[in-house]
Amino acid sequence: MSIPGLDQERLAQTLALFHDVWEGADPADVGWADATVARGNFRTWAKITSHVYALSKRGRDVRVDLRLIEQACARLGLYP
């Protein structure tokens, strides 16, 4: 039996509950990271969140966008 994953909107909402760094993130950007890197794995999302948080603290009022998410995912190493 497999459990269906969350759609992009629900995933973005869930991540915002997990950590406020995700508040206001575009669901499409979150969906890209899930489809490309995390693949529904919450442990991977925790790692991505840690990197997004660290990168977002480098500047003032940094918005979590696809570019920042890509940078965070790149810190995890190669991904297909």
PDB file of N, CA and C in Angstrom:
ATOM      1  N   MET A   1       0.847  -1.179   0.000  1.00  0.00           N
ATOM      2  CA  MET A   1       0.000   0.000   0.000  1.00  0.00           C
ATOM      3  C   MET A   1       0.892   1.242   0.000  1.00  0.00           C
ATOM      4  N   SER A   2       0.638   2.164  -0.901  1.00  0.00           N
ATOM      5  CA  SER A   2       1.416   3.401  -0.905  1.00  0.00           C
ATOM      6  C   SER A   2       0.532   4.553  -0.428  1.00  0.00           C
ATOM      7  N   ILE A   3       1.175   5.498   0.181  1.00  0.00           N
ATOM      8  CA  ILE A   3       0.478   6.677   0.679  1.00  0.00           C
ATOM      9  C   ILE A   3       0.719   7.795  -0.315  1.00  0.00           C
ATOM     10  N   PRO A   4      -0.344   8.423  -0.796  1.00  0.00           N
ATOM     11  CA  PRO A   4      -0.150   9.497  -1.774  1.00  0.00           C
ATOM     12  C   PRO A   4       0.542  10.703  -1.140  1.00  0.00           C
ATOM     13  N   GLY A   5       1.367  11.363  -1.948  1.00  0.00           N
ATOM     14  CA  GLY A   5       2.062  12.554  -1.470  1.00  0.00           C
ATOM     15  C   GLY A   5       1.139  13.759  -1.433  1.00  0.00           C
ATOM     16  N   LEU A   6       1.612  14.813  -0.838  1.00  0.00           N
ATOM     17  CA  LEU A   6       0.858  16.054  -0.776  1.00  0.00           C
ATOM     18  C   LEU A   6       0.988  16.801  -2.094  1.00  0.00           C
ATOM     19  N   ASP A   7      -0.065  17.494  -2.489  1.00  0.00           N
ATOM     20  CA  ASP A   7       0.063  18.333  -3.676  1.00  0.00           C
ATOM     21  C   ASP A   7       0.913  19.557  -3.297  1.00  0.00           C
ATOM     22  N   GLN A   8       1.329  20.324  -4.290  1.00  0.00           N
ATOM     23  CA  GLN A   8       2.249  21.442  -4.069  1.00  0.00           C
ATOM     24  C   GLN A   8       1.719  22.428  -3.033  1.00  0.00           C
ATOM     25  N   GLU A   9       0.456  22.767  -3.125  1.00  0.00           N
ATOM     26  CA  GLU A   9      -0.144  23.747  -2.209  1.00  0.00           C
ATOM     27  C   GLU A   9      -0.113  23.236  -0.774  1.00  0.00           C
ATOM     28  N   ARG A  10      -0.530  21.993  -0.567  1.00  0.00           N
ATOM     29  CA  ARG A  10      -0.556  21.405   0.781  1.00  0.00           C
ATOM     30  C   ARG A  10       0.867  21.227   1.314  1.00  0.00           C
ATOM     31  N   LEU A  11       1.789  20.864   0.445  1.00  0.00           N
ATOM     32  CA  LEU A  11       3.176  20.702   0.879  1.00  0.00           C
ATOM     33  C   LEU A  11       3.737  22.037   1.348  1.00  0.00           C
ATOM     34  N   ALA A  12       3.493  23.102   0.596  1.00  0.00           N
ATOM     35  CA  ALA A  12       3.970  24.431   0.982  1.00  0.00           C
ATOM     36  C   ALA A  12       3.355  24.853   2.319  1.00  0.00           C
ATOM     37  N   GLN A  13       2.079  24.566   2.519  1.00  0.00           N
ATOM     38  CA  GLN A  13       1.418  24.892   3.782  1.00  0.00           C
ATOM     39  C   GLN A  13       2.011  24.095   4.940  1.00  0.00           C
ATOM     40  N   THR A  14       2.263  22.828   4.709  1.00  0.00           N
ATOM     41  CA  THR A  14       2.827  21.957   5.742  1.00  0.00           C
ATOM     42  C   THR A  14       4.237  22.401   6.119  1.00  0.00           C
ATOM     43  N   LEU A  15       5.041  22.745   5.122  1.00  0.00           N
ATOM     44  CA  LEU A  15       6.401  23.205   5.404  1.00  0.00           C
ATOM     45  C   LEU A  15       6.387  24.516   6.192  1.00  0.00           C
ATOM     46  N   ALA A  16       5.435  25.394   5.906  1.00  0.00           N
ATOM     47  CA  ALA A  16       5.322  26.654   6.648  1.00  0.00           C
ATOM     48  C   ALA A  16       4.977  26.397   8.116  1.00  0.00           C
ATOM     49  N   LEU A  17       4.248  25.318   8.382  1.00  0.00           N
ATOM     50  CA  LEU A  17       3.963  24.941   9.770  1.00  0.00           C
ATOM     51  C   LEU A  17       5.209  24.368  10.447  1.00  0.00           C
ATOM     52  N   PHE A  18       6.033  23.684   9.661  1.00  0.00           N
ATOM     53  CA  PHE A  18       7.268  23.084  10.166  1.00  0.00           C
ATOM     54  C   PHE A  18       8.290  24.162  10.516  1.00  0.00           C
ATOM     55  N   HIS A  19       8.460  25.155   9.634  1.00  0.00           N
ATOM     56  CA  HIS A  19       9.423  26.237   9.868  1.00  0.00           C
ATOM     57  C   HIS A  19       8.951  27.491   9.151  1.00  0.00           C
ATOM     58  N   ASP A  20       9.017  28.614   9.841  1.00  0.00           N
ATOM     59  CA  ASP A  20       8.496  29.861   9.273  1.00  0.00           C
ATOM     60  C   ASP A  20       9.281  30.383   8.077  1.00  0.00           C
ATOM     61  N   VAL A  21      10.469  29.844   7.820  1.00  0.00           N
ATOM     62  CA  VAL A  21      11.230  30.267   6.648  1.00  0.00           C
ATOM     63  C   VAL A  21      10.444  29.979   5.366  1.00  0.00           C
ATOM     64  N   TRP A  22       9.530  29.011   5.422  1.00  0.00           N
ATOM     65  CA  TRP A  22       8.757  28.624   4.238  1.00  0.00           C
ATOM     66  C   TRP A  22       7.497  29.464   4.035  1.00  0.00           C
ATOM     67  N   GLU A  23       7.165  30.326   4.990  1.00  0.00           N
ATOM     68  CA  GLU A  23       5.970  31.161   4.840  1.00  0.00           C
ATOM     69  C   GLU A  23       6.122  32.056   3.627  1.00  0.00           C
ATOM     70  N   GLY A  24       5.154  32.020   2.759  1.00  0.00           N
ATOM     71  CA  GLY A  24       5.174  32.840   1.554  1.00  0.00           C
ATOM     72  C   GLY A  24       5.921  32.235   0.384  1.00  0.00           C
ATOM     73  N   ALA A  25       6.493  31.050   0.566  1.00  0.00           N
ATOM     74  CA  ALA A  25       7.193  30.396  -0.554  1.00  0.00           C
ATOM     75  C   ALA A  25       6.183  29.982  -1.616  1.00  0.00           C
ATOM     76  N   ASP A  26       6.560  30.118  -2.859  1.00  0.00           N
ATOM     77  CA  ASP A  26       5.691  29.748  -3.973  1.00  0.00           C
ATOM     78  C   ASP A  26       5.523  28.221  -3.999  1.00  0.00           C
ATOM     79  N   PRO A  27       4.289  27.731  -3.970  1.00  0.00           N
ATOM     80  CA  PRO A  27       4.061  26.285  -4.012  1.00  0.00           C
ATOM     81  C   PRO A  27       4.730  25.606  -5.211  1.00  0.00           C
ATOM     82  N   ALA A  28       4.832  26.295  -6.329  1.00  0.00           N
ATOM     83  CA  ALA A  28       5.494  25.707  -7.508  1.00  0.00           C
ATOM     84  C   ALA A  28       6.982  25.491  -7.235  1.00  0.00           C
ATOM     85  N   ASP A  29       7.622  26.421  -6.519  1.00  0.00           N
ATOM     86  CA  ASP A  29       9.039  26.277  -6.180  1.00  0.00           C
ATOM     87  C   ASP A  29       9.240  25.116  -5.204  1.00  0.00           C
ATOM     88  N   VAL A  30       8.343  25.017  -4.238  1.00  0.00           N
ATOM     89  CA  VAL A  30       8.387  23.904  -3.281  1.00  0.00           C
ATOM     90  C   VAL A  30       8.159  22.589  -4.023  1.00  0.00           C
ATOM     91  N   GLY A  31       7.225  22.592  -4.964  1.00  0.00           N
ATOM     92  CA  GLY A  31       6.947  21.400  -5.765  1.00  0.00           C
ATOM     93  C   GLY A  31       8.146  20.972  -6.579  1.00  0.00           C
ATOM     94  N   TRP A  32       8.881  21.946  -7.123  1.00  0.00           N
ATOM     95  CA  TRP A  32      10.098  21.616  -7.877  1.00  0.00           C
ATOM     96  C   TRP A  32      11.089  20.883  -6.982  1.00  0.00           C
ATOM     97  N   ALA A  33      11.314  21.424  -5.782  1.00  0.00           N
ATOM     98  CA  ALA A  33      12.277  20.805  -4.868  1.00  0.00           C
ATOM     99  C   ALA A  33      11.830  19.408  -4.454  1.00  0.00           C
ATOM    100  N   ASP A  34      10.537  19.226  -4.270  1.00  0.00           N
ATOM    101  CA  ASP A  34      10.050  17.904  -3.875  1.00  0.00           C
ATOM    102  C   ASP A  34      10.208  16.905  -5.013  1.00  0.00           C
ATOM    103  N   ALA A  35       9.849  17.322  -6.228  1.00  0.00           N
ATOM    104  CA  ALA A  35       9.941  16.420  -7.379  1.00  0.00           C
ATOM    105  C   ALA A  35      11.382  16.116  -7.757  1.00  0.00           C
ATOM    106  N   THR A  36      12.261  17.090  -7.564  1.00  0.00           N
ATOM    107  CA  THR A  36      13.642  16.951  -8.008  1.00  0.00           C
ATOM    108  C   THR A  36      14.569  16.370  -6.950  1.00  0.00           C
ATOM    109  N   VAL A  37      14.356  16.757  -5.698  1.00  0.00           N
ATOM    110  CA  VAL A  37      15.309  16.409  -4.657  1.00  0.00           C
ATOM    111  C   VAL A  37      14.684  15.611  -3.511  1.00  0.00           C
ATOM    112  N   ALA A  38      13.698  16.163  -2.857  1.00  0.00           N
ATOM    113  CA  ALA A  38      13.180  15.565  -1.616  1.00  0.00           C
ATOM    114  C   ALA A  38      12.359  14.301  -1.845  1.00  0.00           C
ATOM    115  N   ARG A  39      11.571  14.309  -2.909  1.00  0.00           N
ATOM    116  CA  ARG A  39      10.739  13.142  -3.261  1.00  0.00           C
ATOM    117  C   ARG A  39       9.898  12.642  -2.093  1.00  0.00           C
ATOM    118  N   GLY A  40       9.324  13.607  -1.354  1.00  0.00           N
ATOM    119  CA  GLY A  40       8.424  13.248  -0.264  1.00  0.00           C
ATOM    120  C   GLY A  40       9.105  12.810   1.016  1.00  0.00           C
ATOM    121  N   ASN A  41      10.428  12.865   1.067  1.00  0.00           N
ATOM    122  CA  ASN A  41      11.164  12.414   2.247  1.00  0.00           C
ATOM    123  C   ASN A  41      11.323  13.584   3.219  1.00  0.00           C
ATOM    124  N   PHE A  42      10.694  13.456   4.404  1.00  0.00           N
ATOM    125  CA  PHE A  42      10.724  14.570   5.349  1.00  0.00           C
ATOM    126  C   PHE A  42      12.122  14.828   5.892  1.00  0.00           C
ATOM    127  N   ARG A  43      12.932  13.820   6.023  1.00  0.00           N
ATOM    128  CA  ARG A  43      14.310  14.016   6.490  1.00  0.00           C
ATOM    129  C   ARG A  43      15.065  14.907   5.496  1.00  0.00           C
ATOM    130  N   THR A  44      14.851  14.679   4.206  1.00  0.00           N
ATOM    131  CA  THR A  44      15.481  15.525   3.195  1.00  0.00           C
ATOM    132  C   THR A  44      14.944  16.943   3.286  1.00  0.00           C
ATOM    133  N   TRP A  45      13.634  17.077   3.527  1.00  0.00           N
ATOM    134  CA  TRP A  45      13.057  18.411   3.686  1.00  0.00           C
ATOM    135  C   TRP A  45      13.664  19.134   4.890  1.00  0.00           C
ATOM    136  N   ALA A  46      13.959  18.418   5.952  1.00  0.00           N
ATOM    137  CA  ALA A  46      14.596  19.033   7.121  1.00  0.00           C
ATOM    138  C   ALA A  46      15.978  19.568   6.745  1.00  0.00           C
ATOM    139  N   LYS A  47      16.722  18.816   5.949  1.00  0.00           N
ATOM    140  CA  LYS A  47      18.046  19.262   5.501  1.00  0.00           C
ATOM    141  C   LYS A  47      17.925  20.482   4.590  1.00  0.00           C
ATOM    142  N   ILE A  48      16.975  20.430   3.658  1.00  0.00           N
ATOM    143  CA  ILE A  48      16.768  21.568   2.758  1.00  0.00           C
ATOM    144  C   ILE A  48      16.383  22.802   3.574  1.00  0.00           C
ATOM    145  N   THR A  49      15.501  22.617   4.547  1.00  0.00           N
ATOM    146  CA  THR A  49      15.065  23.731   5.399  1.00  0.00           C
ATOM    147  C   THR A  49      16.254  24.348   6.131  1.00  0.00           C
ATOM    148  N   SER A  50      17.133  23.518   6.644  1.00  0.00           N
ATOM    149  CA  SER A  50      18.319  24.014   7.340  1.00  0.00           C
ATOM    150  C   SER A  50      19.174  24.870   6.411  1.00  0.00           C
ATOM    151  N   HIS A  51      19.370  24.414   5.201  1.00  0.00           N
ATOM    152  CA  HIS A  51      20.180  25.167   4.237  1.00  0.00           C
ATOM    153  C   HIS A  51      19.463  26.434   3.768  1.00  0.00           C
ATOM    154  N   VAL A  52      18.156  26.352   3.545  1.00  0.00           N
ATOM    155  CA  VAL A  52      17.388  27.544   3.158  1.00  0.00           C
ATOM    156  C   VAL A  52      17.475  28.589   4.271  1.00  0.00           C
ATOM    157  N   TYR A  53      17.335  28.140   5.507  1.00  0.00           N
ATOM    158  CA  TYR A  53      17.421  29.061   6.642  1.00  0.00           C
ATOM    159  C   TYR A  53      18.791  29.744   6.693  1.00  0.00           C
ATOM    160  N   ALA A  54      19.853  28.964   6.582  1.00  0.00           N
ATOM    161  CA  ALA A  54      21.207  29.526   6.625  1.00  0.00           C
ATOM    162  C   ALA A  54      21.430  30.519   5.490  1.00  0.00           C
ATOM    163  N   LEU A  55      20.994  30.162   4.292  1.00  0.00           N
ATOM    164  CA  LEU A  55      21.157  31.068   3.152  1.00  0.00           C
ATOM    165  C   LEU A  55      20.310  32.327   3.301  1.00  0.00           C
ATOM    166  N   SER A  56      19.126  32.186   3.858  1.00  0.00           N
ATOM    167  CA  SER A  56      18.234  33.339   3.985  1.00  0.00           C
ATOM    168  C   SER A  56      18.748  34.338   5.017  1.00  0.00           C
ATOM    169  N   LYS A  57      19.578  33.891   5.919  1.00  0.00           N
ATOM    170  CA  LYS A  57      20.111  34.783   6.958  1.00  0.00           C
ATOM    171  C   LYS A  57      21.324  35.570   6.490  1.00  0.00           C
ATOM    172  N   ARG A  58      21.759  35.329   5.274  1.00  0.00           N
ATOM    173  CA  ARG A  58      22.922  36.056   4.741  1.00  0.00           C
ATOM    174  C   ARG A  58      22.597  37.495   4.354  1.00  0.00           C
ATOM    175  N   GLY A  59      21.341  37.779   4.112  1.00  0.00           N
ATOM    176  CA  GLY A  59      20.950  39.123   3.707  1.00  0.00           C
ATOM    177  C   GLY A  59      19.715  39.564   4.469  1.00  0.00           C
ATOM    178  N   ARG A  60      19.284  40.765   4.213  1.00  0.00           N
ATOM    179  CA  ARG A  60      18.092  41.289   4.865  1.00  0.00           C
ATOM    180  C   ARG A  60      16.860  40.974   4.033  1.00  0.00           C
ATOM    181  N   ASP A  61      15.820  40.541   4.708  1.00  0.00           N
ATOM    182  CA  ASP A  61      14.528  40.290   4.061  1.00  0.00           C
ATOM    183  C   ASP A  61      14.662  39.456   2.792  1.00  0.00           C
ATOM    184  N   VAL A  62      15.420  38.390   2.868  1.00  0.00           N
ATOM    185  CA  VAL A  62      15.608  37.517   1.719  1.00  0.00           C
ATOM    186  C   VAL A  62      14.348  36.674   1.539  1.00  0.00           C
ATOM    187  N   ARG A  63      13.826  36.679   0.334  1.00  0.00           N
ATOM    188  CA  ARG A  63      12.632  35.901   0.013  1.00  0.00           C
ATOM    189  C   ARG A  63      13.053  34.508  -0.449  1.00  0.00           C
ATOM    190  N   VAL A  64      12.344  33.520   0.064  1.00  0.00           N
ATOM    191  CA  VAL A  64      12.624  32.151  -0.361  1.00  0.00           C
ATOM    192  C   VAL A  64      11.997  31.964  -1.741  1.00  0.00           C
ATOM    193  N   ASP A  65      12.852  31.902  -2.751  1.00  0.00           N
ATOM    194  CA  ASP A  65      12.397  31.716  -4.120  1.00  0.00           C
ATOM    195  C   ASP A  65      13.131  30.515  -4.723  1.00  0.00           C
ATOM    196  N   LEU A  66      12.861  30.235  -5.985  1.00  0.00           N
ATOM    197  CA  LEU A  66      13.456  29.065  -6.623  1.00  0.00           C
ATOM    198  C   LEU A  66      14.981  29.124  -6.611  1.00  0.00           C
ATOM    199  N   ARG A  67      15.547  30.287  -6.825  1.00  0.00           N
ATOM    200  CA  ARG A  67      17.001  30.425  -6.836  1.00  0.00           C
ATOM    201  C   ARG A  67      17.598  30.031  -5.478  1.00  0.00           C
ATOM    202  N   LEU A  68      16.997  30.507  -4.402  1.00  0.00           N
ATOM    203  CA  LEU A  68      17.485  30.186  -3.065  1.00  0.00           C
ATOM    204  C   LEU A  68      17.286  28.699  -2.757  1.00  0.00           C
ATOM    205  N   ILE A  69      16.146  28.151  -3.157  1.00  0.00           N
ATOM    206  CA  ILE A  69      15.880  26.733  -2.938  1.00  0.00           C
ATOM    207  C   ILE A  69      16.886  25.883  -3.715  1.00  0.00           C
ATOM    208  N   GLU A  70      17.195  26.274  -4.946  1.00  0.00           N
ATOM    209  CA  GLU A  70      18.191  25.549  -5.736  1.00  0.00           C
ATOM    210  C   GLU A  70      19.555  25.573  -5.058  1.00  0.00           C
ATOM    211  N   GLN A  71      19.941  26.723  -4.511  1.00  0.00           N
ATOM    212  CA  GLN A  71      21.213  26.821  -3.803  1.00  0.00           C
ATOM    213  C   GLN A  71      21.228  25.888  -2.594  1.00  0.00           C
ATOM    214  N   ALA A  72      20.123  25.854  -1.857  1.00  0.00           N
ATOM    215  CA  ALA A  72      20.029  24.977  -0.688  1.00  0.00           C
ATOM    216  C   ALA A  72      20.119  23.513  -1.100  1.00  0.00           C
ATOM    217  N   CYS A  73      19.429  23.149  -2.165  1.00  0.00           N
ATOM    218  CA  CYS A  73      19.445  21.762  -2.636  1.00  0.00           C
ATOM    219  C   CYS A  73      20.829  21.369  -3.139  1.00  0.00           C
ATOM    220  N   ALA A  74      21.540  22.306  -3.738  1.00  0.00           N
ATOM    221  CA  ALA A  74      22.886  22.014  -4.239  1.00  0.00           C
ATOM    222  C   ALA A  74      23.825  21.661  -3.094  1.00  0.00           C
ATOM    223  N   ARG A  75      23.556  22.168  -1.913  1.00  0.00           N
ATOM    224  CA  ARG A  75      24.383  21.852  -0.747  1.00  0.00           C
ATOM    225  C   ARG A  75      24.223  20.399  -0.314  1.00  0.00           C
ATOM    226  N   LEU A  76      23.176  19.743  -0.784  1.00  0.00           N
ATOM    227  CA  LEU A  76      22.959  18.341  -0.435  1.00  0.00           C
ATOM    228  C   LEU A  76      23.818  17.417  -1.278  1.00  0.00           C
ATOM    229  N   GLY A  77      24.393  17.939  -2.329  1.00  0.00           N
ATOM    230  CA  GLY A  77      25.180  17.120  -3.237  1.00  0.00           C
ATOM    231  C   GLY A  77      24.432  16.915  -4.538  1.00  0.00           C
ATOM    232  N   LEU A  78      24.902  16.003  -5.320  1.00  0.00           N
ATOM    233  CA  LEU A  78      24.289  15.749  -6.633  1.00  0.00           C
ATOM    234  C   LEU A  78      22.905  15.164  -6.480  1.00  0.00           C
ATOM    235  N   TYR A  79      22.024  15.611  -7.351  1.00  0.00           N
ATOM    236  CA  TYR A  79      20.696  15.023  -7.420  1.00  0.00           C
ATOM    237  C   TYR A  79      20.323  14.884  -8.873  1.00  0.00           C
ATOM    238  N   PRO A  80      19.622  13.813  -9.195  1.00  0.00           N
ATOM    239  CA  PRO A  80      19.281  13.564 -10.606  1.00  0.00           C
ATOM    240  C   PRO A  80      18.238  14.533 -11.117  1.00  0.00           C
TER     241      PRO A  80
END
